[in-house]
Every structure is written in structure tokens, then in C-alpha cells.
C-alpha atoms as a PDB file:
ATOM      1  CA  MET A   1     -69.685-221.245 -86.215  1.00  0.00           C
ATOM      2  CA  TYR A   2     -73.294-222.301 -86.479  1.00  0.00           C
ATOM      3  CA  ASN A   3     -74.241-223.833 -83.129  1.00  0.00           C
ATOM      4  CA  TRP A   4     -73.607-222.986 -79.474  1.00  0.00           C
ATOM      5  CA  THR A   5     -75.654-225.097 -77.061  1.00  0.00           C
ATOM      6  CA  VAL A   6     -75.874-224.060 -73.412  1.00  0.00           C
ATOM      7  CA  ASP A   7     -77.825-226.324 -71.062  1.00  0.00           C
ATOM      8  CA  GLY A   8     -79.618-227.915 -73.986  1.00  0.00           C
ATOM      9  CA  ILE A   9     -80.504-224.657 -75.740  1.00  0.00           C
ATOM     10  CA  ASN A  10     -78.886-223.638 -79.031  1.00  0.00           C
ATOM     11  CA  VAL A  11     -78.437-219.859 -78.932  1.00  0.00           C
ATOM     12  CA  LEU A  12     -76.500-219.318 -82.182  1.00  0.00           C
ATOM     13  CA  ASP A  13     -77.617-219.240 -85.799  1.00  0.00           C
ATOM     14  CA  GLN A  14     -74.328-217.991 -87.286  1.00  0.00           C
ATOM     15  CA  GLN A  15     -71.092-216.265 -86.414  1.00  0.00           C
ATOM     16  CA  TRP A  16     -68.401-215.854 -89.032  1.00  0.00           C
ATOM     17  CA  PHE A  17     -65.629-213.606 -90.342  1.00  0.00           C
ATOM     18  CA  TRP A  18     -64.846-211.717 -93.532  1.00  0.00           C
ATOM     19  CA  TYR A  19     -61.754-209.824 -94.695  1.00  0.00           C
ATOM     20  CA  ARG A  20     -60.975-207.140 -97.275  1.00  0.00           C
ATOM     21  CA  VAL A  21     -57.567-205.999 -98.488  1.00  0.00           C
ATOM     22  CA  ASP A  22     -57.535-202.178 -98.537  1.00  0.00           C
ATOM     23  CA  THR A  23     -60.080-200.962-101.118  1.00  0.00           C
ATOM     24  CA  ASP A  24     -60.406-204.208-103.082  1.00  0.00           C
ATOM     25  CA  PRO A  25     -63.196-203.435-105.589  1.00  0.00           C
ATOM     26  CA  THR A  26     -64.544-206.991-105.237  1.00  0.00           C
ATOM     27  CA  GLY A  27     -65.342-206.243-101.594  1.00  0.00           C
ATOM     28  CA  GLN A  28     -65.252-208.535 -98.581  1.00  0.00           C
ATOM     29  CA  HIS A  29     -64.551-212.261 -98.694  1.00  0.00           C
ATOM     30  CA  SER A  30     -65.278-214.994 -96.170  1.00  0.00           C
ATOM     31  CA  ILE A  31     -62.034-216.080 -94.519  1.00  0.00           C
ATOM     32  CA  ASP A  32     -62.721-219.696 -95.487  1.00  0.00           C
ATOM     33  CA  THR A  33     -62.117-218.754 -99.124  1.00  0.00           C
ATOM     34  CA  LEU A  34     -58.416-218.790 -98.150  1.00  0.00           C
ATOM     35  CA  PRO A  35     -56.294-221.973 -97.874  1.00  0.00           C
ATOM     36  CA  LEU A  36     -56.652-223.497 -94.399  1.00  0.00           C
ATOM     37  CA  SER A  37     -54.510-225.369 -91.906  1.00  0.00           C
ATOM     38  CA  TYR A  38     -55.636-226.062 -88.354  1.00  0.00           C
ATOM     39  CA  THR A  39     -54.721-227.784 -85.104  1.00  0.00           C
ATOM     40  CA  GLN A  40     -57.274-228.976 -82.538  1.00  0.00           C
ATOM     41  CA  TYR A  41     -55.455-228.971 -79.199  1.00  0.00           C
ATOM     42  CA  SER A  42     -58.410-230.241 -77.177  1.00  0.00           C
ATOM     43  CA  PRO A  43     -62.203-230.665 -77.544  1.00  0.00           C
ATOM     44  CA  SER A  44     -62.567-227.025 -76.505  1.00  0.00           C
ATOM     45  CA  TYR A  45     -59.562-225.387 -78.209  1.00  0.00           C
ATOM     46  CA  VAL A  46     -58.745-225.096 -81.900  1.00  0.00           C
ATOM     47  CA  SER A  47     -56.396-222.877 -83.919  1.00  0.00           C
ATOM     48  CA  ALA A  48     -57.090-222.283 -87.620  1.00  0.00           C
ATOM     49  CA  SER A  49     -54.779-220.398 -90.016  1.00  0.00           C
ATOM     50  CA  TYR A  50     -55.972-218.893 -93.308  1.00  0.00           C
ATOM     51  CA  THR A  51     -53.129-217.981 -95.653  1.00  0.00           C
ATOM     52  CA  ALA A  52     -53.090-215.447 -98.497  1.00  0.00           C
ATOM     53  CA  PRO A  53     -50.094-214.377-100.601  1.00  0.00           C
ATOM     54  CA  SER A  54     -49.508-211.242 -98.497  1.00  0.00           C
ATOM     55  CA  PHE A  55     -50.912-212.110 -95.068  1.00  0.00           C
ATOM     56  CA  THR A  56     -52.017-214.846 -92.681  1.00  0.00           C
ATOM     57  CA  ILE A  57     -55.070-214.735 -90.392  1.00  0.00           C
ATOM     58  CA  THR A  58     -54.827-217.144 -87.457  1.00  0.00           C
ATOM     59  CA  ALA A  59     -58.059-217.658 -85.513  1.00  0.00           C
ATOM     60  CA  ASN A  60     -57.886-219.231 -82.044  1.00  0.00           C
ATOM     61  CA  PHE A  61     -61.134-220.385 -80.423  1.00  0.00           C
ATOM     62  CA  GLN A  62     -61.293-221.620 -76.823  1.00  0.00           C
ATOM     63  CA  LEU A  63     -64.513-222.514 -74.988  1.00  0.00           C
ATOM     64  CA  PHE A  64     -64.887-222.184 -71.218  1.00  0.00           C
ATOM     65  CA  GLY A  65     -68.115-223.798 -70.067  1.00  0.00           C
ATOM     66  CA  GLY A  66     -69.725-223.417 -66.690  1.00  0.00           C
ATOM     67  CA  THR A  67     -70.621-226.351 -64.478  1.00  0.00           C
ATOM     68  CA  VAL A  68     -73.678-228.504 -65.192  1.00  0.00           C
ATOM     69  CA  ILE A  69     -76.846-226.321 -65.264  1.00  0.00           C
ATOM     70  CA  SER A  70     -74.756-223.227 -64.505  1.00  0.00           C
ATOM     71  CA  SER A  71     -76.522-221.641 -67.512  1.00  0.00           C
ATOM     72  CA  ASN A  72     -73.465-219.799 -68.802  1.00  0.00           C
ATOM     73  CA  ALA A  73     -70.478-220.231 -71.091  1.00  0.00           C
ATOM     74  CA  LEU A  74     -67.622-218.100 -72.414  1.00  0.00           C
ATOM     75  CA  MET A  75     -65.775-218.196 -75.726  1.00  0.00           C
ATOM     76  CA  ASP A  76     -62.334-216.615 -76.025  1.00  0.00           C
ATOM     77  CA  GLU A  77     -61.475-215.672 -79.614  1.00  0.00           C
ATOM     78  CA  VAL A  78     -58.051-214.318 -80.582  1.00  0.00           C
ATOM     79  CA  PHE A  79     -57.166-213.320 -84.148  1.00  0.00           C
ATOM     80  CA  LEU A  80     -53.604-212.703 -85.297  1.00  0.00           C
ATOM     81  CA  ILE A  81     -53.139-210.861 -88.592  1.00  0.00           C
ATOM     82  CA  GLN A  82     -49.561-211.113 -89.867  1.00  0.00           C
ATOM     83  CA  ASN A  83     -48.232-209.137 -92.814  1.00  0.00           C
ATOM     84  CA  THR A  84     -46.084-211.682 -94.681  1.00  0.00           C
ATOM     85  CA  SER A  85     -45.340-209.376 -97.605  1.00  0.00           C
ATOM     86  CA  SER A  86     -42.404-207.003 -98.104  1.00  0.00           C
ATOM     87  CA  SER A  87     -44.544-203.846 -98.047  1.00  0.00           C
ATOM     88  CA  ASN A  88     -47.139-202.193 -95.829  1.00  0.00           C
ATOM     89  CA  LEU A  89     -50.596-203.788 -95.684  1.00  0.00           C
ATOM     90  CA  THR A  90     -54.049-202.356 -94.994  1.00  0.00           C
ATOM     91  CA  LEU A  91     -56.515-205.085 -94.043  1.00  0.00           C
ATOM     92  CA  HIS A  92     -60.116-205.020 -92.795  1.00  0.00           C
ATOM     93  CA  LEU A  93     -61.523-207.840 -90.650  1.00  0.00           C
ATOM     94  CA  PHE A  94     -65.271-208.206 -90.056  1.00  0.00           C
ATOM     95  CA  GLU A  95     -67.114-210.273 -87.446  1.00  0.00           C
ATOM     96  CA  TYR A  96     -70.807-211.019 -88.069  1.00  0.00           C
ATOM     97  CA  SER A  97     -73.044-212.576 -85.384  1.00  0.00           C
ATOM     98  CA  ASN A  98     -76.656-213.763 -85.392  1.00  0.00           C
ATOM     99  CA  PHE A  99     -77.679-215.125 -81.978  1.00  0.00           C
ATOM    100  CA  VAL A 100     -81.255-216.238 -81.248  1.00  0.00           C
ATOM    101  CA  LEU A 101     -82.193-215.990 -77.585  1.00  0.00           C
ATOM    102  CA  GLY A 102     -85.684-217.407 -77.258  1.00  0.00           C
ATOM    103  CA  VAL A 103     -88.832-216.293 -79.035  1.00  0.00           C
ATOM    104  CA  PRO A 104     -87.893-215.579 -82.685  1.00  0.00           C
ATOM    105  CA  GLY A 105     -88.036-211.912 -83.570  1.00  0.00           C
ATOM    106  CA  SER A 106     -88.055-210.619 -79.991  1.00  0.00           C
ATOM    107  CA  ASP A 107     -84.354-209.904 -79.376  1.00  0.00           C
ATOM    108  CA  THR A 108     -82.783-206.482 -78.978  1.00  0.00           C
ATOM    109  CA  VAL A 109     -79.129-205.484 -79.396  1.00  0.00           C
ATOM    110  CA  ASN A 110     -77.191-202.467 -78.158  1.00  0.00           C
ATOM    111  CA  PHE A 111     -73.596-201.228 -78.337  1.00  0.00           C
ATOM    112  CA  PRO A 112     -72.965-199.444 -75.005  1.00  0.00           C
ATOM    113  CA  TYR A 113     -69.415-198.706 -76.189  1.00  0.00           C
ATOM    114  CA  SER A 114     -67.695-198.974 -79.546  1.00  0.00           C
ATOM    115  CA  ASN A 115     -65.844-202.126 -78.454  1.00  0.00           C
ATOM    116  CA  SER A 116     -68.691-203.983 -76.717  1.00  0.00           C
ATOM    117  CA  VAL A 117     -72.169-205.261 -77.498  1.00  0.00           C
ATOM    118  CA  VAL A 118     -75.098-206.758 -75.555  1.00  0.00           C
ATOM    119  CA  GLN A 119     -77.980-208.762 -77.025  1.00  0.00           C
ATOM    120  CA  VAL A 120     -81.014-209.658 -74.895  1.00  0.00           C
ATOM    121  CA  GLY A 121     -83.811-212.121 -75.605  1.00  0.00           C
ATOM    122  CA  THR A 122     -86.553-213.941 -73.763  1.00  0.00           C
ATOM    123  CA  ILE A 123     -84.253-216.692 -72.451  1.00  0.00           C
ATOM    124  CA  GLY A 124     -81.056-214.814 -71.700  1.00  0.00           C
ATOM    125  CA  SER A 125     -78.311-212.606 -73.041  1.00  0.00           C
ATOM    126  CA  VAL A 126     -75.025-212.595 -74.919  1.00  0.00           C
ATOM    127  CA  SER A 127     -72.278-209.988 -74.623  1.00  0.00           C
ATOM    128  CA  GLU A 128     -68.931-209.388 -76.278  1.00  0.00           C
ATOM    129  CA  THR A 129     -65.999-207.168 -75.344  1.00  0.00           C
ATOM    130  CA  ASN A 130     -62.883-206.862 -77.448  1.00  0.00           C
ATOM    131  CA  THR A 131     -59.518-205.174 -77.758  1.00  0.00           C
ATOM    132  CA  ALA A 132     -57.114-204.739 -80.654  1.00  0.00           C
ATOM    133  CA  VAL A 133     -53.368-203.985 -80.637  1.00  0.00           C
ATOM    134  CA  VAL A 134     -50.317-204.382 -82.844  1.00  0.00           C
ATOM    135  CA  THR A 135     -47.174-205.875 -81.339  1.00  0.00           C
ATOM    136  CA  GLY A 136     -44.973-202.947 -80.358  1.00  0.00           C
ATOM    137  CA  LEU A 137     -47.438-200.414 -81.750  1.00  0.00           C
ATOM    138  CA  PRO A 138     -50.405-200.050 -79.342  1.00  0.00           C
ATOM    139  CA  GLY A 139     -53.446-198.481 -80.906  1.00  0.00           C
ATOM    140  CA  PHE A 140     -52.272-199.058 -84.463  1.00  0.00           C
ATOM    141  CA  VAL A 141     -55.448-200.940 -85.339  1.00  0.00           C
ATOM    142  CA  ALA A 142     -58.036-198.289 -86.189  1.00  0.00           C
ATOM    143  CA  PRO A 143     -60.740-197.390 -86.734  1.00  0.00           C
ATOM    144  CA  MET A 144     -63.127-199.972 -85.363  1.00  0.00           C
ATOM    145  CA  HIS A 145     -66.666-199.797 -86.708  1.00  0.00           C
ATOM    146  CA  HIS A 146     -69.767-201.659 -85.570  1.00  0.00           C
ATOM    147  CA  GLU A 147     -73.326-202.235 -86.759  1.00  0.00           C
ATOM    148  CA  ALA A 148     -76.597-203.283 -85.138  1.00  0.00           C
ATOM    149  CA  ASN A 149     -79.208-204.427 -87.646  1.00  0.00           C
ATOM    150  CA  VAL A 150     -81.836-207.065 -88.411  1.00  0.00           C
ATOM    151  CA  TYR A 151     -81.303-210.179 -90.510  1.00  0.00           C
ATOM    152  CA  PRO A 152     -80.200-210.305 -93.319  1.00  0.00           C
ATOM    153  CA  ASN A 153     -79.205-206.674 -93.938  1.00  0.00           C
ATOM    154  CA  THR A 154     -75.614-206.747 -92.657  1.00  0.00           C
ATOM    155  CA  LEU A 155     -74.986-210.206 -94.114  1.00  0.00           C
ATOM    156  CA  ASN A 156     -76.164-209.013 -97.523  1.00  0.00           C
ATOM    157  CA  SER A 157     -73.907-205.957 -97.283  1.00  0.00           C
ATOM    158  CA  LEU A 158     -70.871-208.098 -96.497  1.00  0.00           C
ATOM    159  CA  ASN A 159     -71.648-210.368 -99.462  1.00  0.00           C
ATOM    160  CA  GLN A 160     -72.584-207.639-101.956  1.00  0.00           C
ATOM    161  CA  GLY A 161     -69.358-207.874-103.978  1.00  0.00           C
ATOM    162  CA  SER A 162     -68.170-204.323-103.326  1.00  0.00           C
ATOM    163  CA  PRO A 163     -66.399-202.603-100.395  1.00  0.00           C
ATOM    164  CA  TYR A 164     -68.568-202.015 -97.347  1.00  0.00           C
ATOM    165  CA  THR A 165     -67.967-200.137 -94.096  1.00  0.00           C
ATOM    166  CA  LEU A 166     -70.197-200.940 -91.128  1.00  0.00           C
ATOM    167  CA  ASN A 167     -72.621-198.080 -90.453  1.00  0.00           C
ATOM    168  CA  ASP A 168     -71.970-197.628 -86.671  1.00  0.00           C
ATOM    169  CA  ALA A 169     -75.666-198.066 -85.771  1.00  0.00           C
ATOM    170  CA  THR A 170     -75.771-198.654 -82.008  1.00  0.00           C
ATOM    171  CA  SER A 171     -79.105-200.488 -81.537  1.00  0.00           C
ATOM    172  CA  ALA A 172     -81.691-202.634 -83.305  1.00  0.00           C
ATOM    173  CA  GLY A 173     -84.819-204.586 -82.486  1.00  0.00           C
ATOM    174  CA  PRO A 174     -86.944-206.053 -81.278  1.00  0.00           C
ATOM    175  CA  GLY A 175     -86.548-208.498 -84.119  1.00  0.00           C
ATOM    176  CA  ASP A 176     -84.179-211.064 -85.588  1.00  0.00           C
ATOM    177  CA  VAL A 177     -81.250-208.844 -84.676  1.00  0.00           C
ATOM    178  CA  THR A 178     -77.649-209.168 -85.804  1.00  0.00           C
ATOM    179  CA  TRP A 179     -74.483-207.336 -84.890  1.00  0.00           C
ATOM    180  CA  ALA A 180     -71.045-206.894 -86.407  1.00  0.00           C
ATOM    181  CA  PHE A 181     -67.601-205.436 -85.727  1.00  0.00           C
ATOM    182  CA  GLN A 182     -64.979-204.148 -88.161  1.00  0.00           C
ATOM    183  CA  TRP A 183     -61.276-203.710 -87.456  1.00  0.00           C
ATOM    184  CA  THR A 184     -58.794-202.063 -89.815  1.00  0.00           C
ATOM    185  CA  ALA A 185     -55.030-202.540 -89.675  1.00  0.00           C
ATOM    186  CA  ILE A 186     -53.781-199.444 -91.538  1.00  0.00           C
ATOM    187  CA  ASN A 187     -50.361-199.661 -93.203  1.00  0.00           C
ATOM    188  CA  LEU A 188     -49.333-202.661 -91.122  1.00  0.00           C
ATOM    189  CA  PRO A 189     -45.548-202.852 -91.654  1.00  0.00           C
ATOM    190  CA  ALA A 190     -43.984-205.870 -93.321  1.00  0.00           C
ATOM    191  CA  GLY A 191     -43.483-208.659 -90.786  1.00  0.00           C
ATOM    192  CA  ASP A 192     -45.648-207.031 -88.111  1.00  0.00           C
ATOM    193  CA  GLU A 193     -48.650-208.663 -86.481  1.00  0.00           C
ATOM    194  CA  ALA A 194     -51.991-207.218 -85.352  1.00  0.00           C
ATOM    195  CA  GLU A 195     -53.865-208.964 -82.529  1.00  0.00           C
ATOM    196  CA  ILE A 196     -57.605-208.845 -81.860  1.00  0.00           C
ATOM    197  CA  SER A 197     -58.833-210.397 -78.610  1.00  0.00           C
ATOM    198  CA  LYS A 198     -62.527-210.977 -77.882  1.00  0.00           C
ATOM    199  CA  ASP A 199     -64.552-212.566 -75.098  1.00  0.00           C
ATOM    200  CA  ILE A 200     -68.143-213.690 -75.761  1.00  0.00           C
ATOM    201  CA  THR A 201     -70.309-214.571 -72.751  1.00  0.00           C
ATOM    202  CA  VAL A 202     -73.662-216.358 -73.015  1.00  0.00           C
ATOM    203  CA  THR A 203     -76.108-216.531 -70.090  1.00  0.00           C
ATOM    204  CA  VAL A 204     -79.281-218.611 -70.232  1.00  0.00           C
ATOM    205  CA  PRO A 205     -80.890-218.186 -66.798  1.00  0.00           C
ATOM    206  CA  GLU A 206     -83.402-221.038 -67.172  1.00  0.00           C
ATOM    207  CA  PRO A 207     -81.364-224.175 -66.397  1.00  0.00           C
ATOM    208  CA  SER A 208     -82.393-227.641 -67.547  1.00  0.00           C
ATOM    209  CA  THR A 209     -81.168-231.093 -66.638  1.00  0.00           C
ATOM    210  CA  VAL A 210     -78.985-231.120 -69.724  1.00  0.00           C
ATOM    211  CA  LEU A 211     -75.337-230.185 -69.196  1.00  0.00           C
ATOM    212  CA  LEU A 212     -73.468-227.607 -71.237  1.00  0.00           C
ATOM    213  CA  VAL A 213     -72.493-229.499 -74.352  1.00  0.00           C
ATOM    214  CA  GLY A 214     -70.473-226.645 -75.796  1.00  0.00           C
ATOM    215  CA  LEU A 215     -70.127-225.590 -79.377  1.00  0.00           C
ATOM    216  CA  GLY A 216     -71.260-227.749 -82.233  1.00  0.00           C
ATOM    217  CA  LEU A 217     -68.181-226.605 -84.120  1.00  0.00           C
ATOM    218  CA  PHE A 218     -65.642-228.629 -82.155  1.00  0.00           C
ATOM    219  CA  GLY A 219     -65.556-231.601 -84.438  1.00  0.00           C
ATOM    220  CA  GLY A 220     -62.471-230.803 -86.487  1.00  0.00           C
ATOM    221  CA  LEU A 221     -63.439-229.185 -89.757  1.00  0.00           C
ATOM    222  CA  ALA A 222     -66.980-228.637 -88.481  1.00  0.00           C
ATOM    223  CA  LEU A 223     -65.496-225.477 -86.945  1.00  0.00           C
ATOM    224  CA  LEU A 224     -65.025-224.039 -90.363  1.00  0.00           C
ATOM    225  CA  ARG A 225     -68.565-224.332 -91.667  1.00  0.00           C
ATOM    226  CA  ARG A 226     -70.504-221.174 -92.210  1.00  0.00           C
ATOM    227  CA  ARG A 227     -73.793-220.307 -93.764  1.00  0.00           C
ATOM    228  CA  HIS A 228     -74.319-217.399 -96.083  1.00  0.00           C
ATOM    229  CA  GLY A 229     -77.798-215.942 -96.440  1.00  0.00           C
END
């Protein structure tokens, strides 16, 4: 996801997702390195499935925009991780986000809780709150790490070619700040499914005459583009 325009203002440079199977010595991999199938149910709702030999990650994105010049929008993101193998699976999922909210280099980011984050800039704010459960096994997804940093430190760590665990830093900035979450499904039983549900809210309190045009990703495969640093 590389563009999110609210009332004529693009607030997003990049948001994307990486995975790692247990302690894979080659480290994390972007989910779009896996074979893809997807269905776009509407201009604001798409479901994309990434399939590996032992698991499937299904990412569901749904945009809820405010009214014209309401200056806010919400993205609901739900990830389903299914163990399709015949043995237990340990899988890490990473979310990396780089929002730009106004004057470059002036944003700050803070994790008030381990499952939520708030970034503030000169033109507004973005916040995310998330939960994670396993069907029939509440609380099975653990631990959840997070990281506040400045570009491109976290991105480089995810792409370094060796296992990485987010450092749990709770704040960064002012600067070109980034933030990330990490979930770990530990010994997910064969056939079971872990669910991660996240809500991202963007508020740009300086309305223009341009309506909310939504995410630049909702053009079929445009959803699946990502940019590595």
C-alpha cells in the first residue's frame, strides 16, 4: 500500500507486510514473494491470499471513508493465518508503516499500549489499534512486539536477510518516523487459523474542496505493490 489520499492529501508513503517461518535463517520475506490470488468485492474492499506450502495468509482490506471534506477515513485490515500442514507451525507476521503527515521530518510516533500506536504531524494524525486471536484458542497469538523508529532503520532490519525481532521502542521523532508491529503464532496446530484484526484511522483536520478519494491501491493488482528501501 503506497498511497492513501484524504481530502486531496496523500498521507502514506508505504505500508506493507513481512512473514518469517519460525527461526528461518534467511529472515523475513515480503508476503508478495508468495503466490497470490485475490478477489475485489467492491472499489473499497479486496481480499488477497498468499499461499505457501505449509500455510496461507489471507489479507482483507476494507476502506470506510468519511463524507466529502470530513477530513477522516478508516481502514479495516483483517489477516487470517491458516496452518495447512500436518504439523504445528510457528509463524511471525510483521506490519511496517511509514505515514507522512505534513512537513517532512516533523512527525512523532508513540505506542501508548503494546497493541496501539499514534502518529502526529503538522496536518493531522493516524492511529491503529489491533487484536489477535486463534479460533477456539484465545490469546494463543503471542508475543506481540512493536517498534518506533525513523526511516529507513526498521525497513532495513526487516530486509537484512536474517531473523529480526522488533525492539519494542515506544516512541520516535520528530523526524521521518516509522512504526511496526510483530505477531507470532506459536505452535499453531495443523488446520487451525490465527486472526489479526486492525483498524487504522486517519484524521486530516484541514479540509479542502477535494473529496476523499480513498486509497490508491484499489485498482486490482495495484493493491499489491510495495516499495522496499
